[in-house]
C-alpha cells in the first residue's frame, strides 16, 4: 500500500518476472522498468493510474503484451524500444 508513491524505478531488475498490482498507487507518475528482461506482462492495474505520464519499458525483451489503458489515461511518454516480443 503506497498511496503517495510518485516514481517507481525497478530498471535492470534482471530477475523481475512480473509486475505486481499498482492499483493503490494512484499518485504514480513515472514507472521505470528498463532492462527488466524477464518480465512478460504488466499488471492490468496500471490502466487505472490516471496520473501516470511516463513509462519506460526499453529492452524488456520478454514483454509480450501491454494492458488496456482507460480513456481517462494521461500517459505522455511510453518507451518500447527493444521490446521484440510485444504484440
N, C-alpha and C. Protein backbone atom coordinates (compact mmCIF):
# COMPACT_ATOMS: atom_id res chain seq x y z
N UNK A 1 0.85 -1.18 0.00
CA UNK A 1 0.00 0.00 0.00
C UNK A 1 0.89 1.24 0.00
N UNK A 2 1.03 1.88 -1.16
CA UNK A 2 1.91 3.04 -1.29
C UNK A 2 1.16 4.19 -1.98
N UNK A 3 0.21 4.82 -1.30
CA UNK A 3 -0.63 5.83 -1.95
C UNK A 3 0.12 7.10 -2.34
N UNK A 4 1.25 7.40 -1.72
CA UNK A 4 2.00 8.62 -2.04
C UNK A 4 3.15 8.39 -3.01
N UNK A 5 3.32 7.17 -3.48
CA UNK A 5 4.40 6.86 -4.40
C UNK A 5 4.22 7.61 -5.72
N UNK A 6 5.25 8.35 -6.14
CA UNK A 6 5.18 9.11 -7.40
C UNK A 6 6.07 8.50 -8.48
N UNK A 7 7.19 7.93 -8.07
CA UNK A 7 8.12 7.32 -9.03
C UNK A 7 8.52 5.94 -8.53
N UNK A 8 8.55 4.99 -9.48
CA UNK A 8 8.98 3.64 -9.15
C UNK A 8 10.02 3.23 -10.18
N UNK A 9 11.24 2.99 -9.71
CA UNK A 9 12.33 2.63 -10.61
C UNK A 9 12.83 1.22 -10.26
N UNK A 10 12.49 0.27 -11.11
CA UNK A 10 12.96 -1.11 -10.96
C UNK A 10 13.84 -1.50 -12.15
N UNK A 11 14.38 -0.51 -12.82
CA UNK A 11 15.20 -0.74 -14.01
C UNK A 11 16.32 -1.73 -13.74
N UNK A 12 16.57 -2.56 -14.74
CA UNK A 12 17.66 -3.54 -14.74
C UNK A 12 17.52 -4.59 -13.65
N UNK A 13 16.28 -4.82 -13.21
CA UNK A 13 15.99 -5.91 -12.27
C UNK A 13 15.86 -7.18 -13.11
N UNK A 14 16.96 -7.80 -13.40
CA UNK A 14 17.00 -8.92 -14.34
C UNK A 14 16.23 -10.15 -13.88
N UNK A 15 15.91 -10.25 -12.60
CA UNK A 15 15.14 -11.39 -12.09
C UNK A 15 13.69 -11.05 -11.80
N UNK A 16 13.23 -9.89 -12.25
CA UNK A 16 11.84 -9.50 -12.07
C UNK A 16 11.00 -10.18 -13.16
N UNK A 17 10.10 -11.06 -12.75
CA UNK A 17 9.29 -11.83 -13.70
C UNK A 17 7.92 -11.25 -13.93
N UNK A 18 7.37 -10.56 -12.93
CA UNK A 18 6.05 -9.97 -13.09
C UNK A 18 5.96 -8.69 -12.28
N UNK A 19 5.13 -7.80 -12.79
CA UNK A 19 4.89 -6.53 -12.12
C UNK A 19 3.64 -6.67 -11.28
N UNK A 20 3.73 -6.41 -10.01
CA UNK A 20 2.59 -6.56 -9.11
C UNK A 20 1.53 -5.50 -9.31
N UNK A 21 0.47 -5.63 -8.55
CA UNK A 21 -0.67 -4.72 -8.62
C UNK A 21 -0.26 -3.33 -8.12
N UNK A 22 -0.48 -2.33 -8.95
CA UNK A 22 -0.16 -0.95 -8.58
C UNK A 22 -1.43 -0.13 -8.34
N UNK A 23 -2.56 -0.79 -8.26
CA UNK A 23 -3.86 -0.12 -8.19
C UNK A 23 -4.03 0.82 -7.01
N UNK A 24 -3.27 0.64 -5.94
CA UNK A 24 -3.38 1.53 -4.79
C UNK A 24 -2.37 2.67 -4.83
N UNK A 25 -1.53 2.69 -5.85
CA UNK A 25 -0.53 3.76 -6.01
C UNK A 25 -1.08 4.79 -6.98
N UNK A 26 -2.19 5.41 -6.61
CA UNK A 26 -2.93 6.29 -7.51
C UNK A 26 -2.19 7.57 -7.86
N UNK A 27 -1.12 7.91 -7.15
CA UNK A 27 -0.35 9.11 -7.46
C UNK A 27 0.89 8.83 -8.29
N UNK A 28 1.06 7.59 -8.72
CA UNK A 28 2.24 7.22 -9.50
C UNK A 28 2.27 8.00 -10.81
N UNK A 29 3.40 8.66 -11.07
CA UNK A 29 3.58 9.47 -12.26
C UNK A 29 4.58 8.85 -13.23
N UNK A 30 5.57 8.14 -12.71
CA UNK A 30 6.63 7.59 -13.55
C UNK A 30 6.93 6.16 -13.14
N UNK A 31 7.07 5.29 -14.15
CA UNK A 31 7.40 3.89 -13.92
C UNK A 31 8.57 3.51 -14.82
N UNK A 32 9.66 3.08 -14.23
CA UNK A 32 10.88 2.72 -14.95
C UNK A 32 11.11 1.22 -14.82
N UNK A 33 11.03 0.51 -15.93
CA UNK A 33 11.30 -0.93 -15.94
C UNK A 33 12.34 -1.28 -17.01
N UNK A 34 13.09 -0.32 -17.45
CA UNK A 34 14.10 -0.54 -18.50
C UNK A 34 15.02 -1.69 -18.14
N UNK A 35 15.24 -2.59 -19.09
CA UNK A 35 16.19 -3.68 -18.90
C UNK A 35 15.68 -4.83 -18.04
N UNK A 36 14.39 -4.84 -17.72
CA UNK A 36 13.82 -5.96 -16.96
C UNK A 36 13.52 -7.08 -17.97
N UNK A 37 14.53 -7.83 -18.30
CA UNK A 37 14.49 -8.75 -19.44
C UNK A 37 13.61 -9.98 -19.23
N UNK A 38 13.20 -10.27 -17.99
CA UNK A 38 12.38 -11.46 -17.73
C UNK A 38 10.88 -11.15 -17.66
N UNK A 39 10.51 -9.89 -17.53
CA UNK A 39 9.11 -9.54 -17.34
C UNK A 39 8.32 -9.79 -18.63
N UNK A 40 7.19 -10.50 -18.51
CA UNK A 40 6.40 -10.88 -19.68
C UNK A 40 5.15 -10.04 -19.86
N UNK A 41 4.59 -9.54 -18.77
CA UNK A 41 3.43 -8.66 -18.89
C UNK A 41 3.37 -7.70 -17.71
N UNK A 42 2.63 -6.64 -17.91
CA UNK A 42 2.45 -5.62 -16.89
C UNK A 42 1.05 -5.80 -16.31
N UNK A 43 0.92 -5.73 -15.00
CA UNK A 43 -0.37 -5.93 -14.35
C UNK A 43 -1.41 -4.94 -14.89
N UNK A 44 -2.62 -5.40 -15.14
CA UNK A 44 -3.68 -4.53 -15.68
C UNK A 44 -4.01 -3.33 -14.79
N UNK A 45 -3.63 -3.37 -13.52
CA UNK A 45 -3.91 -2.25 -12.62
C UNK A 45 -3.27 -0.95 -13.09
N UNK A 46 -2.25 -1.04 -13.93
CA UNK A 46 -1.60 0.16 -14.44
C UNK A 46 -2.58 1.01 -15.26
N UNK A 47 -3.59 0.36 -15.79
CA UNK A 47 -4.58 1.06 -16.61
C UNK A 47 -5.49 2.01 -15.85
N UNK A 48 -5.49 1.94 -14.53
CA UNK A 48 -6.34 2.85 -13.75
C UNK A 48 -5.55 4.00 -13.13
N UNK A 49 -4.26 4.06 -13.39
CA UNK A 49 -3.41 5.10 -12.81
C UNK A 49 -3.50 6.36 -13.66
N UNK A 50 -4.40 7.23 -13.32
CA UNK A 50 -4.69 8.42 -14.14
C UNK A 50 -3.60 9.47 -14.13
N UNK A 51 -2.70 9.42 -13.15
CA UNK A 51 -1.62 10.41 -13.08
C UNK A 51 -0.33 9.92 -13.75
N UNK A 52 -0.33 8.69 -14.19
CA UNK A 52 0.87 8.11 -14.82
C UNK A 52 1.11 8.77 -16.17
N UNK A 53 2.26 9.44 -16.31
CA UNK A 53 2.57 10.14 -17.57
C UNK A 53 3.80 9.58 -18.27
N UNK A 54 4.62 8.80 -17.57
CA UNK A 54 5.88 8.30 -18.15
C UNK A 54 6.08 6.83 -17.81
N UNK A 55 6.30 6.00 -18.83
CA UNK A 55 6.60 4.58 -18.62
C UNK A 55 7.76 4.20 -19.53
N UNK A 56 8.82 3.65 -18.94
CA UNK A 56 9.99 3.22 -19.70
C UNK A 56 10.08 1.70 -19.63
N UNK A 57 9.82 1.06 -20.76
CA UNK A 57 9.89 -0.40 -20.88
C UNK A 57 11.01 -0.82 -21.84
N UNK A 58 11.93 0.07 -22.09
CA UNK A 58 13.01 -0.19 -23.03
C UNK A 58 13.75 -1.48 -22.67
N UNK A 59 13.98 -2.30 -23.68
CA UNK A 59 14.72 -3.56 -23.55
C UNK A 59 14.07 -4.58 -22.62
N UNK A 60 12.76 -4.52 -22.48
CA UNK A 60 12.02 -5.58 -21.78
C UNK A 60 11.77 -6.66 -22.83
N UNK A 61 12.78 -7.44 -23.11
CA UNK A 61 12.82 -8.35 -24.26
C UNK A 61 11.79 -9.47 -24.22
N UNK A 62 11.27 -9.81 -23.04
CA UNK A 62 10.28 -10.89 -22.92
C UNK A 62 8.84 -10.37 -22.86
N UNK A 63 8.68 -9.06 -22.83
CA UNK A 63 7.34 -8.47 -22.72
C UNK A 63 6.51 -8.84 -23.94
N UNK A 64 5.34 -9.45 -23.71
CA UNK A 64 4.51 -9.91 -24.82
C UNK A 64 3.26 -9.08 -25.03
N UNK A 65 2.78 -8.39 -23.99
CA UNK A 65 1.59 -7.55 -24.19
C UNK A 65 1.51 -6.45 -23.15
N UNK A 66 0.78 -5.42 -23.52
CA UNK A 66 0.53 -4.30 -22.62
C UNK A 66 -0.91 -4.34 -22.16
N UNK A 67 -1.20 -3.82 -20.99
CA UNK A 67 -2.58 -3.80 -20.52
C UNK A 67 -3.38 -2.71 -21.25
N UNK A 68 -4.68 -2.78 -21.12
CA UNK A 68 -5.57 -1.77 -21.68
C UNK A 68 -5.50 -0.52 -20.80
N UNK A 69 -5.37 0.62 -21.43
CA UNK A 69 -5.36 1.88 -20.70
C UNK A 69 -6.72 2.54 -20.86
N UNK A 70 -7.32 2.96 -19.75
CA UNK A 70 -8.64 3.58 -19.78
C UNK A 70 -8.64 4.90 -20.54
N UNK A 71 -9.82 5.39 -20.85
CA UNK A 71 -9.93 6.61 -21.64
C UNK A 71 -9.50 7.86 -20.87
N UNK A 72 -9.47 7.79 -19.54
CA UNK A 72 -9.01 8.93 -18.73
C UNK A 72 -7.50 8.90 -18.51
N UNK A 73 -6.83 8.01 -19.19
CA UNK A 73 -5.39 7.82 -19.02
C UNK A 73 -4.63 9.02 -19.56
N UNK A 74 -3.60 9.48 -18.84
CA UNK A 74 -2.87 10.69 -19.23
C UNK A 74 -1.43 10.41 -19.67
N UNK A 75 -1.14 9.19 -20.07
CA UNK A 75 0.22 8.81 -20.47
C UNK A 75 0.71 9.71 -21.60
N UNK A 76 1.92 10.27 -21.41
CA UNK A 76 2.52 11.15 -22.41
C UNK A 76 3.70 10.49 -23.09
N UNK A 77 4.48 9.70 -22.34
CA UNK A 77 5.69 9.09 -22.89
C UNK A 77 5.69 7.60 -22.56
N UNK A 78 5.86 6.77 -23.60
CA UNK A 78 5.94 5.32 -23.46
C UNK A 78 7.10 4.82 -24.30
N UNK A 79 8.17 4.38 -23.65
CA UNK A 79 9.34 3.84 -24.35
C UNK A 79 9.19 2.34 -24.50
N UNK A 80 9.25 1.86 -25.75
CA UNK A 80 9.11 0.42 -26.03
C UNK A 80 10.28 -0.12 -26.85
N UNK A 81 11.31 0.66 -27.05
CA UNK A 81 12.46 0.22 -27.85
C UNK A 81 13.04 -1.08 -27.30
N UNK A 82 13.26 -2.05 -28.16
CA UNK A 82 13.85 -3.31 -27.75
C UNK A 82 12.86 -4.33 -27.22
N UNK A 83 11.56 -4.03 -27.27
CA UNK A 83 10.52 -4.97 -26.82
C UNK A 83 10.15 -5.85 -28.00
N UNK A 84 10.99 -6.81 -28.30
CA UNK A 84 10.89 -7.60 -29.53
C UNK A 84 9.73 -8.58 -29.54
N UNK A 85 9.23 -9.00 -28.39
CA UNK A 85 8.13 -9.98 -28.31
C UNK A 85 6.74 -9.33 -28.22
N UNK A 86 6.72 -8.01 -28.13
CA UNK A 86 5.47 -7.30 -27.93
C UNK A 86 4.54 -7.45 -29.12
N UNK A 87 3.28 -7.82 -28.84
CA UNK A 87 2.27 -8.00 -29.90
C UNK A 87 1.28 -6.88 -29.85
